[in-house]
Amino acid sequence: MTQTTLSTARLSLLQAAERLVAERGVHGVPASAVVRAAGHKNNSAITYHFRSWEGLLEAVWRLHTERVTVDRAAFLAAAHDRGEYDLPAMVEGYVGPLVTELRRQQPSYWARFNEQWMATIRLDVFALDDDALARQPQGEAVAVVHNLFTDMADALTHLPAANRTRRVALMTRFVIGSLAAWERDPAASDLADLEPELTRLALALLEAP
C-alpha cells in the first residue's frame, strides 16, 4: 500500500488520522474528528474503508513502514554481505530508514504518530502478553524490525541477559521521541545533522553499562 495506489478517500482518512493522533494522542481523537478533517460527510467512512478504528491506525502505520522495511532490509543485507553486521550497523539500519521516511514527508507527522502509539504499550515491547501482541500489527515489517531488535539484544553481552531487551526498548523510545521532537520544531536542526548525532547517541545508550 503506497500513497500513489490509494484512493483519494482512503488517503484523506489516513492523512487526517496520522496528523490528529500525532497532535492529540491515540485516545484524544474521536473517529468523527478524523472523518471531518478528511472532508467526509459519512460518519461510517472509517468502518467502510478500514473496518474499524484500529484498522485505520494500523493502515497509517503500514503506509510508512512498508517503505521503511524495504530500505532497512536492503541496508542490513548489504551489511551482512560485507561482513559488517555489528551493533553500529544495526543501529544505523534502525535509525537511517526512519529519517529517510521523514524526509519524504512535507510536513511529517509519522514520528509523533509512532510516539503516541508507543505510549499505549508497556516499556519492554518484547514482554507484551498475548492479548497485547494480538493488537499489534503483524507481517514482514514487524518481522524485520523484531529480528533486528533481537540481534541488538543478543549483542549486548555486557548486560545481564534479563536486561537486554529492555535496553533495546529504551533505545527505540529515545530515537522515536527525538524524531518526534524534531517534527515539532524542524527549524531547530537539519535532519542531515540530526541523523548521525542520533545514531551515535542511540549506540551509546545501548553500549552503556
C-alpha atoms as a PDB file:
ATOM      1  CA  MET A   1       0.000   0.000   0.000  1.00  0.00           C
ATOM      2  CA  THR A   2       1.521   3.296  -1.114  1.00  0.00           C
ATOM      3  CA  GLN A   3       0.212   6.833  -1.350  1.00  0.00           C
ATOM      4  CA  THR A   4       0.212   6.605  -5.148  1.00  0.00           C
ATOM      5  CA  THR A   5      -2.006   3.497  -5.221  1.00  0.00           C
ATOM      6  CA  LEU A   6      -4.547   4.555  -2.579  1.00  0.00           C
ATOM      7  CA  SER A   7      -7.899   6.052  -3.445  1.00  0.00           C
ATOM      8  CA  THR A   8      -8.350   9.709  -2.574  1.00  0.00           C
ATOM      9  CA  ALA A   9     -10.979   8.803   0.019  1.00  0.00           C
ATOM     10  CA  ARG A  10      -8.750   6.315   1.837  1.00  0.00           C
ATOM     11  CA  LEU A  11      -5.665   8.524   1.666  1.00  0.00           C
ATOM     12  CA  SER A  12      -7.522  11.517   3.086  1.00  0.00           C
ATOM     13  CA  LEU A  13      -8.620   9.435   6.089  1.00  0.00           C
ATOM     14  CA  LEU A  14      -5.099   8.091   6.621  1.00  0.00           C
ATOM     15  CA  GLN A  15      -3.531  11.540   6.490  1.00  0.00           C
ATOM     16  CA  ALA A  16      -6.139  13.053   8.795  1.00  0.00           C
ATOM     17  CA  ALA A  17      -5.777  10.229  11.323  1.00  0.00           C
ATOM     18  CA  GLU A  18      -1.990  10.443  11.276  1.00  0.00           C
ATOM     19  CA  ARG A  19      -1.980  14.194  11.880  1.00  0.00           C
ATOM     20  CA  LEU A  20      -4.648  14.221  14.586  1.00  0.00           C
ATOM     21  CA  VAL A  21      -3.213  11.259  16.505  1.00  0.00           C
ATOM     22  CA  ALA A  22       0.251  12.836  16.267  1.00  0.00           C
ATOM     23  CA  GLU A  23      -1.104  16.059  17.733  1.00  0.00           C
ATOM     24  CA  ARG A  24      -3.588  14.722  20.306  1.00  0.00           C
ATOM     25  CA  GLY A  25      -2.738  11.096  21.063  1.00  0.00           C
ATOM     26  CA  VAL A  26      -4.413   7.784  20.277  1.00  0.00           C
ATOM     27  CA  HIS A  27      -7.111   8.295  22.898  1.00  0.00           C
ATOM     28  CA  GLY A  28      -7.574  12.013  22.281  1.00  0.00           C
ATOM     29  CA  VAL A  29      -9.095  11.802  18.818  1.00  0.00           C
ATOM     30  CA  PRO A  30     -12.705  10.746  18.208  1.00  0.00           C
ATOM     31  CA  ALA A  31     -13.333   8.970  14.930  1.00  0.00           C
ATOM     32  CA  SER A  32     -15.773  11.704  13.969  1.00  0.00           C
ATOM     33  CA  ALA A  33     -12.954  14.277  14.104  1.00  0.00           C
ATOM     34  CA  VAL A  34     -10.916  12.244  11.618  1.00  0.00           C
ATOM     35  CA  VAL A  35     -13.901  11.931   9.301  1.00  0.00           C
ATOM     36  CA  ARG A  36     -14.499  15.689   9.379  1.00  0.00           C
ATOM     37  CA  ALA A  37     -10.808  16.546   8.922  1.00  0.00           C
ATOM     38  CA  ALA A  38     -10.668  14.218   5.915  1.00  0.00           C
ATOM     39  CA  GLY A  39     -13.577  16.058   4.314  1.00  0.00           C
ATOM     40  CA  HIS A  40     -16.011  13.150   4.524  1.00  0.00           C
ATOM     41  CA  LYS A  41     -19.667  13.596   5.369  1.00  0.00           C
ATOM     42  CA  ASN A  42     -20.419   9.929   6.053  1.00  0.00           C
ATOM     43  CA  ASN A  43     -19.599   9.025   9.666  1.00  0.00           C
ATOM     44  CA  SER A  44     -19.248   5.383   8.599  1.00  0.00           C
ATOM     45  CA  ALA A  45     -16.314   6.168   6.291  1.00  0.00           C
ATOM     46  CA  ILE A  46     -13.730   4.637   8.635  1.00  0.00           C
ATOM     47  CA  THR A  47     -15.723   1.422   9.010  1.00  0.00           C
ATOM     48  CA  TYR A  48     -16.302   1.256   5.256  1.00  0.00           C
ATOM     49  CA  HIS A  49     -12.653   1.696   4.288  1.00  0.00           C
ATOM     50  CA  PHE A  50     -10.795   0.145   7.254  1.00  0.00           C
ATOM     51  CA  ARG A  51     -13.406  -1.922   9.155  1.00  0.00           C
ATOM     52  CA  SER A  52     -12.551  -0.311  12.491  1.00  0.00           C
ATOM     53  CA  TRP A  53     -10.653   2.480  14.247  1.00  0.00           C
ATOM     54  CA  GLU A  54      -7.859   0.008  14.997  1.00  0.00           C
ATOM     55  CA  GLY A  55      -7.763  -0.951  11.320  1.00  0.00           C
ATOM     56  CA  LEU A  56      -7.332   2.706  10.387  1.00  0.00           C
ATOM     57  CA  LEU A  57      -4.444   3.177  12.832  1.00  0.00           C
ATOM     58  CA  GLU A  58      -2.712   0.050  11.559  1.00  0.00           C
ATOM     59  CA  ALA A  59      -3.139   1.263   7.976  1.00  0.00           C
ATOM     60  CA  VAL A  60      -1.464   4.565   8.909  1.00  0.00           C
ATOM     61  CA  TRP A  61       1.430   2.618  10.399  1.00  0.00           C
ATOM     62  CA  ARG A  62       1.757   0.412   7.314  1.00  0.00           C
ATOM     63  CA  LEU A  63       1.610   3.383   4.951  1.00  0.00           C
ATOM     64  CA  HIS A  64       5.111   4.305   6.090  1.00  0.00           C
ATOM     65  CA  THR A  65       6.603   1.053   7.362  1.00  0.00           C
ATOM     66  CA  GLU A  66       6.418  -0.684   4.005  1.00  0.00           C
ATOM     67  CA  ARG A  67       8.930   1.807   2.580  1.00  0.00           C
ATOM     68  CA  VAL A  68      10.991   1.779   5.771  1.00  0.00           C
ATOM     69  CA  THR A  69      11.162  -2.015   5.651  1.00  0.00           C
ATOM     70  CA  VAL A  70      12.439  -2.027   2.067  1.00  0.00           C
ATOM     71  CA  ASP A  71      15.168   0.482   2.936  1.00  0.00           C
ATOM     72  CA  ARG A  72      16.068  -1.284   6.176  1.00  0.00           C
ATOM     73  CA  ALA A  73      16.198  -4.769   4.679  1.00  0.00           C
ATOM     74  CA  ALA A  74      18.458  -3.558   1.861  1.00  0.00           C
ATOM     75  CA  PHE A  75      20.841  -1.818   4.273  1.00  0.00           C
ATOM     76  CA  LEU A  76      21.068  -4.803   6.616  1.00  0.00           C
ATOM     77  CA  ALA A  77      21.538  -7.268   3.754  1.00  0.00           C
ATOM     78  CA  ALA A  78      24.425  -5.165   2.432  1.00  0.00           C
ATOM     79  CA  ALA A  79      25.989  -5.078   5.905  1.00  0.00           C
ATOM     80  CA  HIS A  80      25.737  -8.870   6.083  1.00  0.00           C
ATOM     81  CA  ASP A  81      27.320  -9.219   2.636  1.00  0.00           C
ATOM     82  CA  ARG A  82      30.256  -7.026   3.690  1.00  0.00           C
ATOM     83  CA  GLY A  83      30.726  -8.976   6.908  1.00  0.00           C
ATOM     84  CA  GLU A  84      29.967  -5.791   8.858  1.00  0.00           C
ATOM     85  CA  TYR A  85      26.722  -6.750  10.575  1.00  0.00           C
ATOM     86  CA  ASP A  86      27.660  -5.494  14.025  1.00  0.00           C
ATOM     87  CA  LEU A  87      25.936  -3.323  16.623  1.00  0.00           C
ATOM     88  CA  PRO A  88      26.852   0.016  14.966  1.00  0.00           C
ATOM     89  CA  ALA A  89      25.451  -1.264  11.659  1.00  0.00           C
ATOM     90  CA  MET A  90      22.293  -2.478  13.388  1.00  0.00           C
ATOM     91  CA  VAL A  91      21.721   0.938  14.931  1.00  0.00           C
ATOM     92  CA  GLU A  92      22.358   2.688  11.624  1.00  0.00           C
ATOM     93  CA  GLY A  93      19.947   0.258   9.991  1.00  0.00           C
ATOM     94  CA  TYR A  94      17.315   1.201  12.542  1.00  0.00           C
ATOM     95  CA  VAL A  95      17.738   4.976  12.547  1.00  0.00           C
ATOM     96  CA  GLY A  96      18.595   5.669   8.911  1.00  0.00           C
ATOM     97  CA  PRO A  97      15.408   4.356   7.261  1.00  0.00           C
ATOM     98  CA  LEU A  98      13.263   6.230   9.783  1.00  0.00           C
ATOM     99  CA  VAL A  99      14.989   9.502   8.935  1.00  0.00           C
ATOM    100  CA  THR A 100      14.700   8.769   5.218  1.00  0.00           C
ATOM    101  CA  GLU A 101      10.948   8.346   5.588  1.00  0.00           C
ATOM    102  CA  LEU A 102      10.610  11.616   7.475  1.00  0.00           C
ATOM    103  CA  ARG A 103      12.448  13.369   4.632  1.00  0.00           C
ATOM    104  CA  ARG A 104       9.770  12.131   2.226  1.00  0.00           C
ATOM    105  CA  GLN A 105       7.014  13.909   4.155  1.00  0.00           C
ATOM    106  CA  GLN A 106       6.284  17.633   3.979  1.00  0.00           C
ATOM    107  CA  PRO A 107       5.377  18.151   6.762  1.00  0.00           C
ATOM    108  CA  SER A 108       5.994  14.963   8.713  1.00  0.00           C
ATOM    109  CA  TYR A 109       3.760  13.575  11.450  1.00  0.00           C
ATOM    110  CA  TRP A 110       4.882   9.962  11.414  1.00  0.00           C
ATOM    111  CA  ALA A 111       7.397  10.038  14.278  1.00  0.00           C
ATOM    112  CA  ARG A 112       4.833  11.730  16.507  1.00  0.00           C
ATOM    113  CA  PHE A 113       2.242   9.160  15.455  1.00  0.00           C
ATOM    114  CA  ASN A 114       4.671   6.390  16.448  1.00  0.00           C
ATOM    115  CA  GLU A 115       5.419   8.133  19.733  1.00  0.00           C
ATOM    116  CA  GLN A 116       1.713   8.225  20.556  1.00  0.00           C
ATOM    117  CA  TRP A 117       1.279   4.587  19.519  1.00  0.00           C
ATOM    118  CA  MET A 118       4.190   3.501  21.726  1.00  0.00           C
ATOM    119  CA  ALA A 119       2.663   5.371  24.665  1.00  0.00           C
ATOM    120  CA  THR A 120      -0.138   2.791  24.685  1.00  0.00           C
ATOM    121  CA  ILE A 121       2.129  -0.232  25.280  1.00  0.00           C
ATOM    122  CA  ARG A 122       4.448  -1.255  28.076  1.00  0.00           C
ATOM    123  CA  LEU A 123       8.093  -0.218  28.220  1.00  0.00           C
ATOM    124  CA  ASP A 124       9.622  -3.512  27.062  1.00  0.00           C
ATOM    125  CA  VAL A 125       7.891  -4.361  23.804  1.00  0.00           C
ATOM    126  CA  PHE A 126       9.420  -7.836  23.959  1.00  0.00           C
ATOM    127  CA  ALA A 127       7.442  -8.528  27.123  1.00  0.00           C
ATOM    128  CA  LEU A 128       3.943  -7.887  25.759  1.00  0.00           C
ATOM    129  CA  ASP A 129       1.392 -10.501  26.751  1.00  0.00           C
ATOM    130  CA  ASP A 130      -0.595 -12.466  24.163  1.00  0.00           C
ATOM    131  CA  ASP A 131      -3.557 -10.079  24.218  1.00  0.00           C
ATOM    132  CA  ALA A 132      -1.325  -7.046  23.681  1.00  0.00           C
ATOM    133  CA  LEU A 133       0.588  -8.790  20.898  1.00  0.00           C
ATOM    134  CA  ALA A 134      -2.655  -9.641  19.135  1.00  0.00           C
ATOM    135  CA  ARG A 135      -3.486  -5.935  18.969  1.00  0.00           C
ATOM    136  CA  GLN A 136      -0.158  -5.027  17.330  1.00  0.00           C
ATOM    137  CA  PRO A 137       0.489  -5.042  13.569  1.00  0.00           C
ATOM    138  CA  GLN A 138       1.769  -8.246  12.009  1.00  0.00           C
ATOM    139  CA  GLY A 139       3.616  -9.055   8.802  1.00  0.00           C
ATOM    140  CA  GLU A 140       7.004  -8.585   7.149  1.00  0.00           C
ATOM    141  CA  ALA A 141       7.660  -5.104   8.527  1.00  0.00           C
ATOM    142  CA  VAL A 142       7.185  -6.338  12.079  1.00  0.00           C
ATOM    143  CA  ALA A 143       9.318  -9.420  11.455  1.00  0.00           C
ATOM    144  CA  VAL A 144      12.228  -7.383  10.054  1.00  0.00           C
ATOM    145  CA  VAL A 145      12.345  -4.932  12.949  1.00  0.00           C
ATOM    146  CA  HIS A 146      11.732  -7.655  15.556  1.00  0.00           C
ATOM    147  CA  ASN A 147      14.642  -9.683  14.194  1.00  0.00           C
ATOM    148  CA  LEU A 148      16.803  -6.557  14.229  1.00  0.00           C
ATOM    149  CA  PHE A 149      15.889  -5.814  17.850  1.00  0.00           C
ATOM    150  CA  THR A 150      16.585  -9.433  18.795  1.00  0.00           C
ATOM    151  CA  ASP A 151      20.033  -9.225  17.198  1.00  0.00           C
ATOM    152  CA  MET A 152      20.697  -5.963  19.047  1.00  0.00           C
ATOM    153  CA  ALA A 153      19.723  -7.540  22.352  1.00  0.00           C
ATOM    154  CA  ASP A 154      21.932 -10.556  21.677  1.00  0.00           C
ATOM    155  CA  ALA A 155      24.868  -8.198  21.029  1.00  0.00           C
ATOM    156  CA  LEU A 156      24.559  -6.528  24.449  1.00  0.00           C
ATOM    157  CA  THR A 157      26.729  -9.096  26.184  1.00  0.00           C
ATOM    158  CA  HIS A 158      27.921  -6.508  28.718  1.00  0.00           C
ATOM    159  CA  LEU A 159      24.428  -6.508  30.261  1.00  0.00           C
ATOM    160  CA  PRO A 160      22.667  -9.253  32.216  1.00  0.00           C
ATOM    161  CA  ALA A 161      20.547 -11.274  29.803  1.00  0.00           C
ATOM    162  CA  ALA A 162      17.349 -10.250  31.586  1.00  0.00           C
ATOM    163  CA  ASN A 163      18.049  -6.547  30.940  1.00  0.00           C
ATOM    164  CA  ARG A 164      18.980  -6.622  27.263  1.00  0.00           C
ATOM    165  CA  THR A 165      15.579  -6.365  25.598  1.00  0.00           C
ATOM    166  CA  ARG A 166      14.589  -3.554  27.948  1.00  0.00           C
ATOM    167  CA  ARG A 167      17.697  -1.612  26.900  1.00  0.00           C
ATOM    168  CA  VAL A 168      16.766  -2.041  23.235  1.00  0.00           C
ATOM    169  CA  ALA A 169      13.236  -0.855  24.019  1.00  0.00           C
ATOM    170  CA  LEU A 170      14.638   2.231  25.749  1.00  0.00           C
ATOM    171  CA  MET A 171      16.773   2.956  22.707  1.00  0.00           C
ATOM    172  CA  THR A 172      13.797   2.740  20.348  1.00  0.00           C
ATOM    173  CA  ARG A 173      11.767   5.112  22.515  1.00  0.00           C
ATOM    174  CA  PHE A 174      14.704   7.531  22.620  1.00  0.00           C
ATOM    175  CA  VAL A 175      15.011   7.517  18.835  1.00  0.00           C
ATOM    176  CA  ILE A 176      11.293   7.884  18.156  1.00  0.00           C
ATOM    177  CA  GLY A 177      10.931  10.551  20.843  1.00  0.00           C
ATOM    178  CA  SER A 178      13.848  12.532  19.423  1.00  0.00           C
ATOM    179  CA  LEU A 179      12.453  12.384  15.895  1.00  0.00           C
ATOM    180  CA  ALA A 180       9.031  13.382  17.207  1.00  0.00           C
ATOM    181  CA  ALA A 181      10.637  16.387  18.901  1.00  0.00           C
ATOM    182  CA  TRP A 182      12.265  17.311  15.582  1.00  0.00           C
ATOM    183  CA  GLU A 183       8.871  17.158  13.851  1.00  0.00           C
ATOM    184  CA  ARG A 184       7.517  19.648  16.386  1.00  0.00           C
ATOM    185  CA  ASP A 185      10.448  22.018  15.762  1.00  0.00           C
ATOM    186  CA  PRO A 186      12.072  21.166  12.412  1.00  0.00           C
ATOM    187  CA  ALA A 187      13.853  24.524  12.251  1.00  0.00           C
ATOM    188  CA  ALA A 188      15.928  23.586  15.304  1.00  0.00           C
ATOM    189  CA  SER A 189      18.104  21.098  13.426  1.00  0.00           C
ATOM    190  CA  ASP A 190      18.632  19.849   9.907  1.00  0.00           C
ATOM    191  CA  LEU A 191      17.923  16.131   9.539  1.00  0.00           C
ATOM    192  CA  ALA A 192      21.289  15.744   7.839  1.00  0.00           C
ATOM    193  CA  ASP A 193      22.938  16.839  11.096  1.00  0.00           C
ATOM    194  CA  LEU A 194      20.467  15.137  13.420  1.00  0.00           C
ATOM    195  CA  GLU A 195      20.730  11.676  11.869  1.00  0.00           C
ATOM    196  CA  PRO A 196      24.425  10.964  12.642  1.00  0.00           C
ATOM    197  CA  GLU A 197      24.119  12.510  16.098  1.00  0.00           C
ATOM    198  CA  LEU A 198      21.038  10.449  16.875  1.00  0.00           C
ATOM    199  CA  THR A 199      22.756   7.305  15.603  1.00  0.00           C
ATOM    200  CA  ARG A 200      25.791   7.900  17.830  1.00  0.00           C
ATOM    201  CA  LEU A 201      23.631   8.579  20.881  1.00  0.00           C
ATOM    202  CA  ALA A 202      21.460   5.516  20.277  1.00  0.00           C
ATOM    203  CA  LEU A 203      24.580   3.358  20.028  1.00  0.00           C
ATOM    204  CA  ALA A 204      25.975   4.905  23.210  1.00  0.00           C
ATOM    205  CA  LEU A 205      22.712   4.169  25.016  1.00  0.00           C
ATOM    206  CA  LEU A 206      22.949   0.509  24.033  1.00  0.00           C
ATOM    207  CA  GLU A 207      26.618   0.256  24.975  1.00  0.00           C
ATOM    208  CA  ALA A 208      26.264   1.996  28.353  1.00  0.00           C
ATOM    209  CA  PRO A 209      26.946  -0.226  31.415  1.00  0.00           C
END
